[in-house]
């Protein structure tokens, strides 16, 4: 959980975003729908939400990376 919060800070989330998310406040990145420190913002910050960290997530993240590459290739002129 601590490593995840550090990564979120590096990717542009503010400490206030992280604390509001942890306390499920309406001003949090998930608008209070989740009281977890695991959240993301794929649209603006290119951060994928991963709710747990295990080996099972490797194929999921590979698919996310492939999808992001595909989106980038079709959005170029």
C-alpha atoms as a PDB file:
ATOM      1  CA  UNK A   1       0.000   0.000   0.000  1.00  0.00           C
ATOM      2  CA  UNK A   2       2.809   2.416   0.785  1.00  0.00           C
ATOM      3  CA  UNK A   3       4.555   1.765  -2.533  1.00  0.00           C
ATOM      4  CA  UNK A   4       1.293   2.347  -4.361  1.00  0.00           C
ATOM      5  CA  UNK A   5       0.818   5.739  -2.701  1.00  0.00           C
ATOM      6  CA  UNK A   6       4.341   6.797  -3.647  1.00  0.00           C
ATOM      7  CA  UNK A   7       3.686   5.838  -7.256  1.00  0.00           C
ATOM      8  CA  UNK A   8       0.466   7.859  -7.228  1.00  0.00           C
ATOM      9  CA  UNK A   9       2.355  10.926  -5.966  1.00  0.00           C
ATOM     10  CA  UNK A  10       4.915  10.534  -8.750  1.00  0.00           C
ATOM     11  CA  UNK A  11       2.127  10.265 -11.344  1.00  0.00           C
ATOM     12  CA  UNK A  12       0.577  13.581 -10.274  1.00  0.00           C
ATOM     13  CA  UNK A  13      -1.984  12.784  -7.590  1.00  0.00           C
ATOM     14  CA  UNK A  14      -1.867  15.171  -4.645  1.00  0.00           C
ATOM     15  CA  UNK A  15      -1.584  14.080  -1.008  1.00  0.00           C
ATOM     16  CA  UNK A  16      -5.107  15.482  -0.574  1.00  0.00           C
ATOM     17  CA  UNK A  17      -6.359  13.150  -3.359  1.00  0.00           C
ATOM     18  CA  UNK A  18      -4.832  10.164  -1.585  1.00  0.00           C
ATOM     19  CA  UNK A  19      -6.223  11.076   1.837  1.00  0.00           C
ATOM     20  CA  UNK A  20      -9.702  11.872   0.481  1.00  0.00           C
ATOM     21  CA  UNK A  21      -9.676   8.558  -1.377  1.00  0.00           C
ATOM     22  CA  UNK A  22      -8.625   6.673   1.742  1.00  0.00           C
ATOM     23  CA  UNK A  23     -11.513   8.226   3.677  1.00  0.00           C
ATOM     24  CA  UNK A  24     -14.038   7.786   0.779  1.00  0.00           C
ATOM     25  CA  UNK A  25     -14.830  11.490   0.472  1.00  0.00           C
ATOM     26  CA  UNK A  26     -16.880  12.863  -2.415  1.00  0.00           C
ATOM     27  CA  UNK A  27     -13.933  14.954  -3.637  1.00  0.00           C
ATOM     28  CA  UNK A  28     -11.729  11.874  -4.043  1.00  0.00           C
ATOM     29  CA  UNK A  29     -10.678  10.475  -7.450  1.00  0.00           C
ATOM     30  CA  UNK A  30     -13.414   7.804  -7.239  1.00  0.00           C
ATOM     31  CA  UNK A  31     -15.977  10.307  -5.898  1.00  0.00           C
ATOM     32  CA  UNK A  32     -16.288   8.443  -2.589  1.00  0.00           C
ATOM     33  CA  UNK A  33     -17.246   5.099  -4.134  1.00  0.00           C
ATOM     34  CA  UNK A  34     -14.265   3.241  -2.715  1.00  0.00           C
ATOM     35  CA  UNK A  35     -12.323   3.584   0.546  1.00  0.00           C
ATOM     36  CA  UNK A  36      -9.050   2.160  -0.692  1.00  0.00           C
ATOM     37  CA  UNK A  37      -5.649   3.505  -1.497  1.00  0.00           C
ATOM     38  CA  UNK A  38      -5.631   1.497  -4.725  1.00  0.00           C
ATOM     39  CA  UNK A  39      -7.085   3.703  -7.436  1.00  0.00           C
ATOM     40  CA  UNK A  40      -6.114   5.026 -10.830  1.00  0.00           C
ATOM     41  CA  UNK A  41      -6.902   7.512 -13.557  1.00  0.00           C
ATOM     42  CA  UNK A  42      -6.504   5.987 -16.991  1.00  0.00           C
ATOM     43  CA  UNK A  43      -7.884   9.004 -18.859  1.00  0.00           C
ATOM     44  CA  UNK A  44      -5.780  11.863 -17.462  1.00  0.00           C
ATOM     45  CA  UNK A  45      -2.751  10.332 -15.761  1.00  0.00           C
ATOM     46  CA  UNK A  46      -2.428   6.932 -17.506  1.00  0.00           C
ATOM     47  CA  UNK A  47      -2.568   5.098 -14.158  1.00  0.00           C
ATOM     48  CA  UNK A  48      -4.319   1.735 -14.199  1.00  0.00           C
ATOM     49  CA  UNK A  49      -6.307   0.664 -11.147  1.00  0.00           C
ATOM     50  CA  UNK A  50      -4.931  -2.564  -9.715  1.00  0.00           C
ATOM     51  CA  UNK A  51      -6.853  -3.764  -6.694  1.00  0.00           C
ATOM     52  CA  UNK A  52      -4.281  -6.322  -5.622  1.00  0.00           C
ATOM     53  CA  UNK A  53      -0.713  -7.226  -6.400  1.00  0.00           C
ATOM     54  CA  UNK A  54      -0.052 -10.807  -7.321  1.00  0.00           C
ATOM     55  CA  UNK A  55       1.152 -12.949 -10.171  1.00  0.00           C
ATOM     56  CA  UNK A  56      -2.415 -13.265 -11.439  1.00  0.00           C
ATOM     57  CA  UNK A  57      -2.325  -9.618 -12.436  1.00  0.00           C
ATOM     58  CA  UNK A  58       0.491 -10.102 -14.976  1.00  0.00           C
ATOM     59  CA  UNK A  59      -1.768 -11.151 -17.915  1.00  0.00           C
ATOM     60  CA  UNK A  60      -4.300  -8.469 -16.997  1.00  0.00           C
ATOM     61  CA  UNK A  61      -1.668  -5.724 -17.085  1.00  0.00           C
ATOM     62  CA  UNK A  62      -0.248  -7.146 -20.315  1.00  0.00           C
ATOM     63  CA  UNK A  63      -3.711  -6.757 -21.837  1.00  0.00           C
ATOM     64  CA  UNK A  64      -3.977  -3.203 -20.517  1.00  0.00           C
ATOM     65  CA  UNK A  65      -0.594  -2.348 -22.038  1.00  0.00           C
ATOM     66  CA  UNK A  66      -1.612  -3.884 -25.368  1.00  0.00           C
ATOM     67  CA  UNK A  67      -4.877  -1.932 -25.306  1.00  0.00           C
ATOM     68  CA  UNK A  68      -3.039   1.317 -24.547  1.00  0.00           C
ATOM     69  CA  UNK A  69      -0.632   0.690 -27.401  1.00  0.00           C
ATOM     70  CA  UNK A  70      -3.552  -0.048 -29.716  1.00  0.00           C
ATOM     71  CA  UNK A  71      -5.368   3.128 -28.660  1.00  0.00           C
ATOM     72  CA  UNK A  72      -2.223   5.169 -29.251  1.00  0.00           C
ATOM     73  CA  UNK A  73      -1.700   3.660 -32.718  1.00  0.00           C
ATOM     74  CA  UNK A  74      -5.256   4.385 -33.908  1.00  0.00           C
ATOM     75  CA  UNK A  75      -5.354   7.919 -32.520  1.00  0.00           C
ATOM     76  CA  UNK A  76      -2.341   9.085 -34.517  1.00  0.00           C
ATOM     77  CA  UNK A  77      -3.042  10.890 -37.780  1.00  0.00           C
END
